[in-house]
Amino acid sequence: MAGYLTTHVLDTARGAPAAGMSIILYRLSRDGRMEVARMVTNDDGRTDAPILPEGAFEPGEYELEFHAGAYLESLGVRSGAPRFLDVIPIRFGLSEAAHYHVPLLLSPFGYSTYRGS
């Protein structure tokens, strides 16, 4: 089995998937970070394809950037200026060829994540 990466974003304040959220995946190295993929969540709060597909999998350190502020703004959710949550970075390591699932549970004033399946 080759490795790959997926995500799922749920808006816990609305009790619904977070459709239309921009997500960027970066690979981290000593030289900085390199953009690997840029996607937008669909109506189910998922991306239409794996963020990191099997053919592009490499073990290493990565960062997912969830653009929560723009998503919340599109729904008319106001939280002051500057916004309490804007871009949410999640750094993690991929060590072996497996399915990695990094979901985001989001509300205007908090979030959580975990390694899903």
Protein backbone atom coordinates (compact mmCIF):
# COMPACT_ATOMS: atom_id res chain seq x y z
CA MET A 1 0.00 0.00 0.00
CA ALA A 2 1.26 3.44 -0.87
CA GLY A 3 0.74 6.39 1.44
CA TYR A 4 -1.71 9.23 0.92
CA LEU A 5 -3.33 12.10 2.83
CA THR A 6 -6.96 13.18 3.17
CA THR A 7 -8.91 15.65 5.29
CA HIS A 8 -12.46 16.47 6.33
CA VAL A 9 -13.54 19.82 7.76
CA LEU A 10 -16.64 20.01 9.95
CA ASP A 11 -18.17 23.26 11.14
CA THR A 12 -19.20 22.28 14.66
CA ALA A 13 -20.97 25.61 15.30
CA ARG A 14 -23.36 24.93 12.41
CA GLY A 15 -23.35 21.14 12.66
CA ALA A 16 -22.46 20.85 8.98
CA PRO A 17 -19.54 20.19 6.64
CA ALA A 18 -17.37 23.24 5.92
CA ALA A 19 -17.84 23.61 2.16
CA GLY A 20 -15.70 26.05 0.21
CA MET A 21 -12.71 26.25 2.57
CA SER A 22 -9.29 26.71 0.97
CA ILE A 23 -6.57 24.34 2.13
CA ILE A 24 -2.86 24.42 1.27
CA LEU A 25 -0.43 21.55 1.91
CA TYR A 26 3.28 22.31 2.41
CA ARG A 27 6.25 19.97 2.76
CA LEU A 28 8.67 21.24 5.41
CA SER A 29 12.45 21.09 5.24
CA ARG A 30 15.46 22.91 6.67
CA ASP A 31 15.20 25.31 3.74
CA GLY A 32 11.61 26.29 4.59
CA ARG A 33 8.37 25.05 3.18
CA MET A 34 7.34 24.12 -0.34
CA GLU A 35 3.74 24.18 -1.53
CA VAL A 36 2.61 20.71 -2.57
CA ALA A 37 -1.13 21.15 -3.17
CA ARG A 38 -3.90 23.72 -3.01
CA MET A 39 -7.52 22.60 -2.80
CA VAL A 40 -11.02 23.68 -1.74
CA THR A 41 -13.44 21.56 0.28
CA ASN A 42 -16.55 20.28 -1.47
CA ASP A 43 -20.14 20.18 -0.16
CA ASP A 44 -19.18 17.30 2.17
CA GLY A 45 -16.25 19.25 3.69
CA ARG A 46 -13.73 17.00 1.93
CA THR A 47 -11.45 17.51 -1.05
CA ASP A 48 -12.45 15.79 -4.28
CA ALA A 49 -9.14 13.91 -4.37
CA PRO A 50 -6.49 13.11 -1.76
CA ILE A 51 -4.48 16.20 -0.81
CA LEU A 52 -1.35 14.10 -1.15
CA PRO A 53 -2.04 11.26 -3.59
CA GLU A 54 -0.26 7.90 -3.55
CA GLY A 55 2.08 8.85 -6.40
CA ALA A 56 3.34 11.95 -4.57
CA PHE A 57 3.73 10.43 -1.08
CA GLU A 58 7.08 10.95 0.64
CA PRO A 59 7.77 10.48 4.34
CA GLY A 60 8.57 13.75 6.06
CA GLU A 61 7.15 16.74 7.87
CA TYR A 62 4.15 18.58 6.46
CA GLU A 63 1.83 21.46 7.26
CA LEU A 64 -1.81 21.86 6.32
CA GLU A 65 -3.08 25.43 6.25
CA PHE A 66 -6.83 25.72 6.70
CA HIS A 67 -8.13 29.16 5.64
CA ALA A 68 -10.87 29.30 8.27
CA GLY A 69 -11.16 33.11 8.44
CA ALA A 70 -12.19 33.47 4.80
CA TYR A 71 -14.60 30.54 5.19
CA LEU A 72 -16.23 32.06 8.29
CA GLU A 73 -16.38 35.48 6.65
CA SER A 74 -18.19 33.94 3.65
CA LEU A 75 -20.89 32.75 6.08
CA GLY A 76 -21.22 36.21 7.61
CA VAL A 77 -19.65 35.13 10.91
CA ARG A 78 -18.05 38.16 12.54
CA SER A 79 -15.54 37.87 15.36
CA GLY A 80 -13.85 41.25 15.53
CA ALA A 81 -10.72 42.62 13.97
CA PRO A 82 -8.37 40.97 13.87
CA ARG A 83 -10.32 37.72 13.56
CA PHE A 84 -9.65 35.30 16.44
CA LEU A 85 -9.06 32.38 14.02
CA ASP A 86 -7.85 33.06 10.50
CA VAL A 87 -5.33 30.65 9.00
CA ILE A 88 -5.00 27.45 11.04
CA PRO A 89 -1.68 25.62 10.51
CA ILE A 90 -1.40 21.98 11.53
CA ARG A 91 2.09 20.45 11.41
CA PHE A 92 2.49 16.68 11.38
CA GLY A 93 4.80 13.92 10.24
CA LEU A 94 4.21 11.13 7.74
CA SER A 95 6.55 8.28 8.60
CA GLU A 96 5.31 5.26 6.67
CA ALA A 97 3.22 4.38 3.64
CA ALA A 98 -0.32 4.47 5.07
CA HIS A 99 -3.57 6.40 4.80
CA TYR A 100 -3.21 9.56 6.88
CA HIS A 101 -6.41 11.46 7.60
CA VAL A 102 -6.14 14.86 9.30
CA PRO A 103 -9.63 16.25 9.99
CA LEU A 104 -10.45 19.69 11.37
CA LEU A 105 -13.37 20.37 13.70
CA LEU A 106 -14.00 24.11 13.58
CA SER A 107 -16.00 26.82 15.32
CA PRO A 108 -15.37 30.60 15.21
CA PHE A 109 -13.43 30.48 18.51
CA GLY A 110 -11.84 27.04 18.58
CA TYR A 111 -10.74 23.97 16.66
CA SER A 112 -9.41 20.46 17.16
CA THR A 113 -7.76 17.81 15.07
CA TYR A 114 -6.57 14.22 15.37
CA ARG A 115 -5.22 11.41 13.20
CA GLY A 116 -8.32 9.86 11.76
CA SER A 117 -8.90 6.82 9.62
